[in-house]
Amino acid sequence: MAGLVALLPVAAFAQGSISGVVKDTSGAVLPGVTVTMTQAQTGAVRSVVTDGEGAYLVSNLPPGPYRLEASLQGFRTYVQT
């Protein structure tokens, strides 16, 4: 089972957004990955699915620390806090 690598050029501001591209360990982009953001203090959850180029955007996020989880069947789940 291969691992996911979430590349995260992060931009998080008041009511900001987080975006990035999900790739596997060989560097290939992965469409169809579910990216879930969980706000650490409130437990609020937002999920999106990567597009055909492995890109995702989670917008209108309240400020605060988040847990990112990227999952796709056949791959190990990637988690970053």
PDB file of N, CA and C in Angstrom:
ATOM      1  N   MET A   1       0.849  -1.163   0.000  1.00  0.00           N
ATOM      2  CA  MET A   1       0.000   0.000   0.000  1.00  0.00           C
ATOM      3  C   MET A   1       0.895   1.226   0.000  1.00  0.00           C
ATOM      4  N   ALA A   2       0.743   2.082  -0.967  1.00  0.00           N
ATOM      5  CA  ALA A   2       1.559   3.287  -1.088  1.00  0.00           C
ATOM      6  C   ALA A   2       1.048   4.375  -0.169  1.00  0.00           C
ATOM      7  N   GLY A   3       1.900   5.362   0.074  1.00  0.00           N
ATOM      8  CA  GLY A   3       1.517   6.465   0.935  1.00  0.00           C
ATOM      9  C   GLY A   3       1.141   7.698   0.142  1.00  0.00           C
ATOM     10  N   LEU A   4       0.307   8.521   0.731  1.00  0.00           N
ATOM     11  CA  LEU A   4      -0.055   9.812   0.157  1.00  0.00           C
ATOM     12  C   LEU A   4       0.893  10.866   0.686  1.00  0.00           C
ATOM     13  N   VAL A   5       1.180  11.848  -0.121  1.00  0.00           N
ATOM     14  CA  VAL A   5       1.954  13.000   0.314  1.00  0.00           C
ATOM     15  C   VAL A   5       1.118  14.224  -0.021  1.00  0.00           C
ATOM     16  N   ALA A   6       0.709  14.980   0.978  1.00  0.00           N
ATOM     17  CA  ALA A   6      -0.073  16.185   0.722  1.00  0.00           C
ATOM     18  C   ALA A   6       0.873  17.370   0.717  1.00  0.00           C
ATOM     19  N   LEU A   7       0.984  18.013  -0.412  1.00  0.00           N
ATOM     20  CA  LEU A   7       1.807  19.209  -0.509  1.00  0.00           C
ATOM     21  C   LEU A   7       0.905  20.396  -0.265  1.00  0.00           C
ATOM     22  N   LEU A   8       1.269  21.197   0.693  1.00  0.00           N
ATOM     23  CA  LEU A   8       0.374  22.198   1.217  1.00  0.00           C
ATOM     24  C   LEU A   8       0.936  23.595   1.183  1.00  0.00           C
ATOM     25  N   PRO A   9       0.835  24.305   0.062  1.00  0.00           N
ATOM     26  CA  PRO A   9       1.164  25.720   0.140  1.00  0.00           C
ATOM     27  C   PRO A   9       0.035  26.384   0.933  1.00  0.00           C
ATOM     28  N   VAL A  10       0.267  26.621   2.194  1.00  0.00           N
ATOM     29  CA  VAL A  10      -0.808  27.036   3.088  1.00  0.00           C
ATOM     30  C   VAL A  10      -0.967  28.548   3.117  1.00  0.00           C
ATOM     31  N   ALA A  11      -2.202  28.970   3.013  1.00  0.00           N
ATOM     32  CA  ALA A  11      -2.564  30.364   3.230  1.00  0.00           C
ATOM     33  C   ALA A  11      -3.774  30.355   4.139  1.00  0.00           C
ATOM     34  N   ALA A  12      -3.583  30.641   5.408  1.00  0.00           N
ATOM     35  CA  ALA A  12      -4.688  30.624   6.356  1.00  0.00           C
ATOM     36  C   ALA A  12      -4.776  31.986   7.031  1.00  0.00           C
ATOM     37  N   PHE A  13      -5.851  32.672   6.789  1.00  0.00           N
ATOM     38  CA  PHE A  13      -6.082  34.002   7.335  1.00  0.00           C
ATOM     39  C   PHE A  13      -7.436  33.992   8.018  1.00  0.00           C
ATOM     40  N   ALA A  14      -7.850  35.132   8.608  1.00  0.00           N
ATOM     41  CA  ALA A  14      -9.186  35.213   9.175  1.00  0.00           C
ATOM     42  C   ALA A  14     -10.160  34.867   8.055  1.00  0.00           C
ATOM     43  N   GLN A  15     -11.001  33.880   8.292  1.00  0.00           N
ATOM     44  CA  GLN A  15     -11.891  33.358   7.243  1.00  0.00           C
ATOM     45  C   GLN A  15     -11.093  33.112   5.975  1.00  0.00           C
ATOM     46  N   GLY A  16     -10.028  32.357   6.104  1.00  0.00           N
ATOM     47  CA  GLY A  16      -9.098  32.116   5.013  1.00  0.00           C
ATOM     48  C   GLY A  16      -9.333  30.801   4.306  1.00  0.00           C
ATOM     49  N   SER A  17      -8.289  30.361   3.635  1.00  0.00           N
ATOM     50  CA  SER A  17      -8.384  29.124   2.871  1.00  0.00           C
ATOM     51  C   SER A  17      -7.071  28.354   2.953  1.00  0.00           C
ATOM     52  N   ILE A  18      -7.176  27.079   2.674  1.00  0.00           N
ATOM     53  CA  ILE A  18      -6.008  26.204   2.600  1.00  0.00           C
ATOM     54  C   ILE A  18      -6.121  25.471   1.271  1.00  0.00           C
ATOM     55  N   SER A  19      -5.019  25.456   0.527  1.00  0.00           N
ATOM     56  CA  SER A  19      -5.026  24.779  -0.765  1.00  0.00           C
ATOM     57  C   SER A  19      -3.746  23.994  -0.923  1.00  0.00           C
ATOM     58  N   GLY A  20      -3.749  23.079  -1.869  1.00  0.00           N
ATOM     59  CA  GLY A  20      -2.556  22.292  -2.121  1.00  0.00           C
ATOM     60  C   GLY A  20      -2.775  21.282  -3.223  1.00  0.00           C
ATOM     61  N   VAL A  21      -1.784  20.439  -3.419  1.00  0.00           N
ATOM     62  CA  VAL A  21      -1.824  19.364  -4.406  1.00  0.00           C
ATOM     63  C   VAL A  21      -1.425  18.079  -3.697  1.00  0.00           C
ATOM     64  N   VAL A  22      -2.191  17.017  -3.914  1.00  0.00           N
ATOM     65  CA  VAL A  22      -1.880  15.725  -3.296  1.00  0.00           C
ATOM     66  C   VAL A  22      -1.154  14.860  -4.323  1.00  0.00           C
ATOM     67  N   LYS A  23      -0.013  14.320  -3.895  1.00  0.00           N
ATOM     68  CA  LYS A  23       0.799  13.452  -4.751  1.00  0.00           C
ATOM     69  C   LYS A  23       1.133  12.176  -4.007  1.00  0.00           C
ATOM     70  N   ASP A  24       1.452  11.123  -4.763  1.00  0.00           N
ATOM     71  CA  ASP A  24       1.925   9.909  -4.118  1.00  0.00           C
ATOM     72  C   ASP A  24       3.430  10.014  -3.911  1.00  0.00           C
ATOM     73  N   THR A  25       4.023   8.985  -3.341  1.00  0.00           N
ATOM     74  CA  THR A  25       5.444   9.042  -3.007  1.00  0.00           C
ATOM     75  C   THR A  25       6.354   9.111  -4.233  1.00  0.00           C
ATOM     76  N   SER A  26       5.831   8.765  -5.419  1.00  0.00           N
ATOM     77  CA  SER A  26       6.628   8.874  -6.649  1.00  0.00           C
ATOM     78  C   SER A  26       6.502  10.260  -7.279  1.00  0.00           C
ATOM     79  N   GLY A  27       5.595  11.096  -6.746  1.00  0.00           N
ATOM     80  CA  GLY A  27       5.410  12.442  -7.273  1.00  0.00           C
ATOM     81  C   GLY A  27       4.240  12.574  -8.232  1.00  0.00           C
ATOM     82  N   ALA A  28       3.513  11.486  -8.488  1.00  0.00           N
ATOM     83  CA  ALA A  28       2.343  11.548  -9.368  1.00  0.00           C
ATOM     84  C   ALA A  28       1.168  12.190  -8.634  1.00  0.00           C
ATOM     85  N   VAL A  29       0.434  13.079  -9.315  1.00  0.00           N
ATOM     86  CA  VAL A  29      -0.728  13.718  -8.698  1.00  0.00           C
ATOM     87  C   VAL A  29      -1.849  12.704  -8.559  1.00  0.00           C
ATOM     88  N   LEU A  30      -2.685  12.912  -7.556  1.00  0.00           N
ATOM     89  CA  LEU A  30      -3.755  11.967  -7.256  1.00  0.00           C
ATOM     90  C   LEU A  30      -5.124  12.645  -7.266  1.00  0.00           C
ATOM     91  N   PRO A  31      -5.916  12.423  -8.312  1.00  0.00           N
ATOM     92  CA  PRO A  31      -7.293  12.910  -8.298  1.00  0.00           C
ATOM     93  C   PRO A  31      -8.163  12.024  -7.414  1.00  0.00           C
ATOM     94  N   GLY A  32      -9.267  12.575  -6.923  1.00  0.00           N
ATOM     95  CA  GLY A  32     -10.224  11.791  -6.150  1.00  0.00           C
ATOM     96  C   GLY A  32      -9.877  11.555  -4.699  1.00  0.00           C
ATOM     97  N   VAL A  33      -8.882  12.260  -4.184  1.00  0.00           N
ATOM     98  CA  VAL A  33      -8.503  12.125  -2.774  1.00  0.00           C
ATOM     99  C   VAL A  33      -9.443  12.976  -1.918  1.00  0.00           C
ATOM    100  N   THR A  34      -9.956  12.399  -0.851  1.00  0.00           N
ATOM    101  CA  THR A  34     -10.766  13.166   0.092  1.00  0.00           C
ATOM    102  C   THR A  34      -9.835  13.859   1.073  1.00  0.00           C
ATOM    103  N   VAL A  35      -9.904  15.183   1.113  1.00  0.00           N
ATOM    104  CA  VAL A  35      -9.102  15.993   2.031  1.00  0.00           C
ATOM    105  C   VAL A  35     -10.058  16.549   3.080  1.00  0.00           C
ATOM    106  N   THR A  36      -9.799  16.217   4.334  1.00  0.00           N
ATOM    107  CA  THR A  36     -10.665  16.636   5.430  1.00  0.00           C
ATOM    108  C   THR A  36      -9.896  17.538   6.376  1.00  0.00           C
ATOM    109  N   MET A  37     -10.454  18.696   6.660  1.00  0.00           N
ATOM    110  CA  MET A  37      -9.883  19.644   7.611  1.00  0.00           C
ATOM    111  C   MET A  37     -10.758  19.632   8.858  1.00  0.00           C
ATOM    112  N   THR A  38     -10.135  19.397  10.024  1.00  0.00           N
ATOM    113  CA  THR A  38     -10.857  19.412  11.290  1.00  0.00           C
ATOM    114  C   THR A  38     -10.269  20.501  12.165  1.00  0.00           C
ATOM    115  N   GLN A  39     -11.088  21.454  12.571  1.00  0.00           N
ATOM    116  CA  GLN A  39     -10.648  22.557  13.422  1.00  0.00           C
ATOM    117  C   GLN A  39     -10.425  21.992  14.818  1.00  0.00           C
ATOM    118  N   ALA A  40      -9.204  22.121  15.328  1.00  0.00           N
ATOM    119  CA  ALA A  40      -8.801  21.468  16.577  1.00  0.00           C
ATOM    120  C   ALA A  40      -9.622  21.916  17.784  1.00  0.00           C
ATOM    121  N   GLN A  41      -9.974  23.171  17.861  1.00  0.00           N
ATOM    122  CA  GLN A  41     -10.645  23.678  19.054  1.00  0.00           C
ATOM    123  C   GLN A  41     -12.141  23.401  19.066  1.00  0.00           C
ATOM    124  N   THR A  42     -12.779  23.400  17.892  1.00  0.00           N
ATOM    125  CA  THR A  42     -14.236  23.249  17.841  1.00  0.00           C
ATOM    126  C   THR A  42     -14.686  21.887  17.326  1.00  0.00           C
ATOM    127  N   GLY A  43     -13.795  21.180  16.621  1.00  0.00           N
ATOM    128  CA  GLY A  43     -14.170  19.912  16.023  1.00  0.00           C
ATOM    129  C   GLY A  43     -14.933  20.058  14.716  1.00  0.00           C
ATOM    130  N   ALA A  44     -15.080  21.302  14.220  1.00  0.00           N
ATOM    131  CA  ALA A  44     -15.775  21.529  12.950  1.00  0.00           C
ATOM    132  C   ALA A  44     -15.005  20.852  11.816  1.00  0.00           C
ATOM    133  N   VAL A  45     -15.727  20.210  10.905  1.00  0.00           N
ATOM    134  CA  VAL A  45     -15.116  19.426   9.840  1.00  0.00           C
ATOM    135  C   VAL A  45     -15.551  19.960   8.476  1.00  0.00           C
ATOM    136  N   ARG A  46     -14.587  20.071   7.560  1.00  0.00           N
ATOM    137  CA  ARG A  46     -14.854  20.432   6.161  1.00  0.00           C
ATOM    138  C   ARG A  46     -14.101  19.452   5.287  1.00  0.00           C
ATOM    139  N   SER A  47     -14.760  18.923   4.257  1.00  0.00           N
ATOM    140  CA  SER A  47     -14.123  17.978   3.348  1.00  0.00           C
ATOM    141  C   SER A  47     -14.299  18.418   1.905  1.00  0.00           C
ATOM    142  N   VAL A  48     -13.272  18.159   1.099  1.00  0.00           N
ATOM    143  CA  VAL A  48     -13.310  18.397  -0.341  1.00  0.00           C
ATOM    144  C   VAL A  48     -12.629  17.200  -1.006  1.00  0.00           C
ATOM    145  N   VAL A  49     -12.786  17.097  -2.329  1.00  0.00           N
ATOM    146  CA  VAL A  49     -12.153  16.028  -3.100  1.00  0.00           C
ATOM    147  C   VAL A  49     -11.234  16.674  -4.125  1.00  0.00           C
ATOM    148  N   THR A  50     -10.020  16.115  -4.286  1.00  0.00           N
ATOM    149  CA  THR A  50      -9.070  16.678  -5.244  1.00  0.00           C
ATOM    150  C   THR A  50      -9.590  16.532  -6.669  1.00  0.00           C
ATOM    151  N   ASP A  51      -9.231  17.512  -7.501  1.00  0.00           N
ATOM    152  CA  ASP A  51      -9.652  17.508  -8.901  1.00  0.00           C
ATOM    153  C   ASP A  51      -8.743  16.610  -9.740  1.00  0.00           C
ATOM    154  N   GLY A  52      -8.882  16.657 -11.048  1.00  0.00           N
ATOM    155  CA  GLY A  52      -8.112  15.817 -11.953  1.00  0.00           C
ATOM    156  C   GLY A  52      -6.624  16.054 -11.914  1.00  0.00           C
ATOM    157  N   GLU A  53      -6.208  17.182 -11.351  1.00  0.00           N
ATOM    158  CA  GLU A  53      -4.778  17.506 -11.230  1.00  0.00           C
ATOM    159  C   GLU A  53      -4.287  17.355  -9.798  1.00  0.00           C
ATOM    160  N   GLY A  54      -5.098  16.727  -8.943  1.00  0.00           N
ATOM    161  CA  GLY A  54      -4.709  16.502  -7.559  1.00  0.00           C
ATOM    162  C   GLY A  54      -4.834  17.730  -6.661  1.00  0.00           C
ATOM    163  N   ALA A  55      -5.421  18.802  -7.174  1.00  0.00           N
ATOM    164  CA  ALA A  55      -5.514  20.058  -6.420  1.00  0.00           C
ATOM    165  C   ALA A  55      -6.787  20.105  -5.573  1.00  0.00           C
ATOM    166  N   TYR A  56      -6.693  20.831  -4.459  1.00  0.00           N
ATOM    167  CA  TYR A  56      -7.857  21.052  -3.608  1.00  0.00           C
ATOM    168  C   TYR A  56      -7.814  22.461  -3.045  1.00  0.00           C
ATOM    169  N   LEU A  57      -8.991  22.945  -2.635  1.00  0.00           N
ATOM    170  CA  LEU A  57      -9.128  24.247  -1.993  1.00  0.00           C
ATOM    171  C   LEU A  57     -10.229  24.129  -0.959  1.00  0.00           C
ATOM    172  N   VAL A  58      -9.890  24.464   0.292  1.00  0.00           N
ATOM    173  CA  VAL A  58     -10.876  24.532   1.365  1.00  0.00           C
ATOM    174  C   VAL A  58     -10.925  26.001   1.761  1.00  0.00           C
ATOM    175  N   SER A  59     -12.063  26.647   1.477  1.00  0.00           N
ATOM    176  CA  SER A  59     -12.149  28.094   1.708  1.00  0.00           C
ATOM    177  C   SER A  59     -13.095  28.418   2.860  1.00  0.00           C
ATOM    178  N   ASN A  60     -13.092  29.690   3.246  1.00  0.00           N
ATOM    179  CA  ASN A  60     -13.931  30.211   4.327  1.00  0.00           C
ATOM    180  C   ASN A  60     -13.716  29.480   5.645  1.00  0.00           C
ATOM    181  N   LEU A  61     -12.435  29.253   5.974  1.00  0.00           N
ATOM    182  CA  LEU A  61     -12.101  28.594   7.241  1.00  0.00           C
ATOM    183  C   LEU A  61     -11.906  29.628   8.346  1.00  0.00           C
ATOM    184  N   PRO A  62     -12.511  29.416   9.502  1.00  0.00           N
ATOM    185  CA  PRO A  62     -12.223  30.282  10.642  1.00  0.00           C
ATOM    186  C   PRO A  62     -10.764  30.097  11.057  1.00  0.00           C
ATOM    187  N   PRO A  63     -10.169  31.116  11.676  1.00  0.00           N
ATOM    188  CA  PRO A  63      -8.772  30.974  12.116  1.00  0.00           C
ATOM    189  C   PRO A  63      -8.648  29.916  13.205  1.00  0.00           C
ATOM    190  N   GLY A  64      -7.462  29.337  13.282  1.00  0.00           N
ATOM    191  CA  GLY A  64      -7.187  28.354  14.322  1.00  0.00           C
ATOM    192  C   GLY A  64      -6.392  27.191  13.778  1.00  0.00           C
ATOM    193  N   PRO A  65      -5.941  26.314  14.674  1.00  0.00           N
ATOM    194  CA  PRO A  65      -5.188  25.134  14.240  1.00  0.00           C
ATOM    195  C   PRO A  65      -6.125  24.081  13.639  1.00  0.00           C
ATOM    196  N   TYR A  66      -5.595  23.363  12.653  1.00  0.00           N
ATOM    197  CA  TYR A  66      -6.373  22.342  11.951  1.00  0.00           C
ATOM    198  C   TYR A  66      -5.605  21.032  11.866  1.00  0.00           C
ATOM    199  N   ARG A  67      -6.362  19.954  11.717  1.00  0.00           N
ATOM    200  CA  ARG A  67      -5.820  18.629  11.414  1.00  0.00           C
ATOM    201  C   ARG A  67      -6.241  18.330   9.979  1.00  0.00           C
ATOM    202  N   LEU A  68      -5.278  18.049   9.112  1.00  0.00           N
ATOM    203  CA  LEU A  68      -5.550  17.697   7.727  1.00  0.00           C
ATOM    204  C   LEU A  68      -5.420  16.195   7.576  1.00  0.00           C
ATOM    205  N   GLU A  69      -6.395  15.593   6.918  1.00  0.00           N
ATOM    206  CA  GLU A  69      -6.339  14.164   6.621  1.00  0.00           C
ATOM    207  C   GLU A  69      -6.642  13.985   5.139  1.00  0.00           C
ATOM    208  N   ALA A  70      -5.773  13.257   4.441  1.00  0.00           N
ATOM    209  CA  ALA A  70      -5.971  12.954   3.022  1.00  0.00           C
ATOM    210  C   ALA A  70      -6.097  11.453   2.881  1.00  0.00           C
ATOM    211  N   SER A  71      -7.201  10.995   2.262  1.00  0.00           N
ATOM    212  CA  SER A  71      -7.410   9.555   2.148  1.00  0.00           C
ATOM    213  C   SER A  71      -7.915   9.179   0.762  1.00  0.00           C
ATOM    214  N   LEU A  72      -7.441   8.023   0.304  1.00  0.00           N
ATOM    215  CA  LEU A  72      -7.832   7.462  -0.983  1.00  0.00           C
ATOM    216  C   LEU A  72      -7.695   5.952  -0.868  1.00  0.00           C
ATOM    217  N   GLN A  73      -8.708   5.227  -1.319  1.00  0.00           N
ATOM    218  CA  GLN A  73      -8.677   3.764  -1.234  1.00  0.00           C
ATOM    219  C   GLN A  73      -7.425   3.230  -1.922  1.00  0.00           C
ATOM    220  N   GLY A  74      -6.744   2.296  -1.259  1.00  0.00           N
ATOM    221  CA  GLY A  74      -5.524   1.699  -1.786  1.00  0.00           C
ATOM    222  C   GLY A  74      -4.259   2.401  -1.340  1.00  0.00           C
ATOM    223  N   PHE A  75      -4.412   3.513  -0.594  1.00  0.00           N
ATOM    224  CA  PHE A  75      -3.268   4.281  -0.104  1.00  0.00           C
ATOM    225  C   PHE A  75      -3.375   4.416   1.410  1.00  0.00           C
ATOM    226  N   ARG A  76      -2.240   4.543   2.078  1.00  0.00           N
ATOM    227  CA  ARG A  76      -2.246   4.873   3.499  1.00  0.00           C
ATOM    228  C   ARG A  76      -2.744   6.307   3.644  1.00  0.00           C
ATOM    229  N   THR A  77      -3.486   6.555   4.700  1.00  0.00           N
ATOM    230  CA  THR A  77      -3.994   7.899   4.971  1.00  0.00           C
ATOM    231  C   THR A  77      -2.868   8.789   5.465  1.00  0.00           C
ATOM    232  N   TYR A  78      -2.848  10.026   4.955  1.00  0.00           N
ATOM    233  CA  TYR A  78      -1.847  11.018   5.353  1.00  0.00           C
ATOM    234  C   TYR A  78      -2.519  11.953   6.359  1.00  0.00           C
ATOM    235  N   VAL A  79      -1.833  12.241   7.466  1.00  0.00           N
ATOM    236  CA  VAL A  79      -2.366  13.139   8.492  1.00  0.00           C
ATOM    237  C   VAL A  79      -1.298  14.156   8.856  1.00  0.00           C
ATOM    238  N   GLN A  80      -1.715  15.414   8.936  1.00  0.00           N
ATOM    239  CA  GLN A  80      -0.815  16.500   9.359  1.00  0.00           C
ATOM    240  C   GLN A  80      -1.586  17.433  10.265  1.00  0.00           C
ATOM    241  N   THR A  81      -0.964  17.832  11.396  1.00  0.00           N
ATOM    242  CA  THR A  81      -1.615  18.797  12.287  1.00  0.00           C
ATOM    243  C   THR A  81      -0.864  20.103  12.246  1.00  0.00           C
TER     244      THR A  81
END
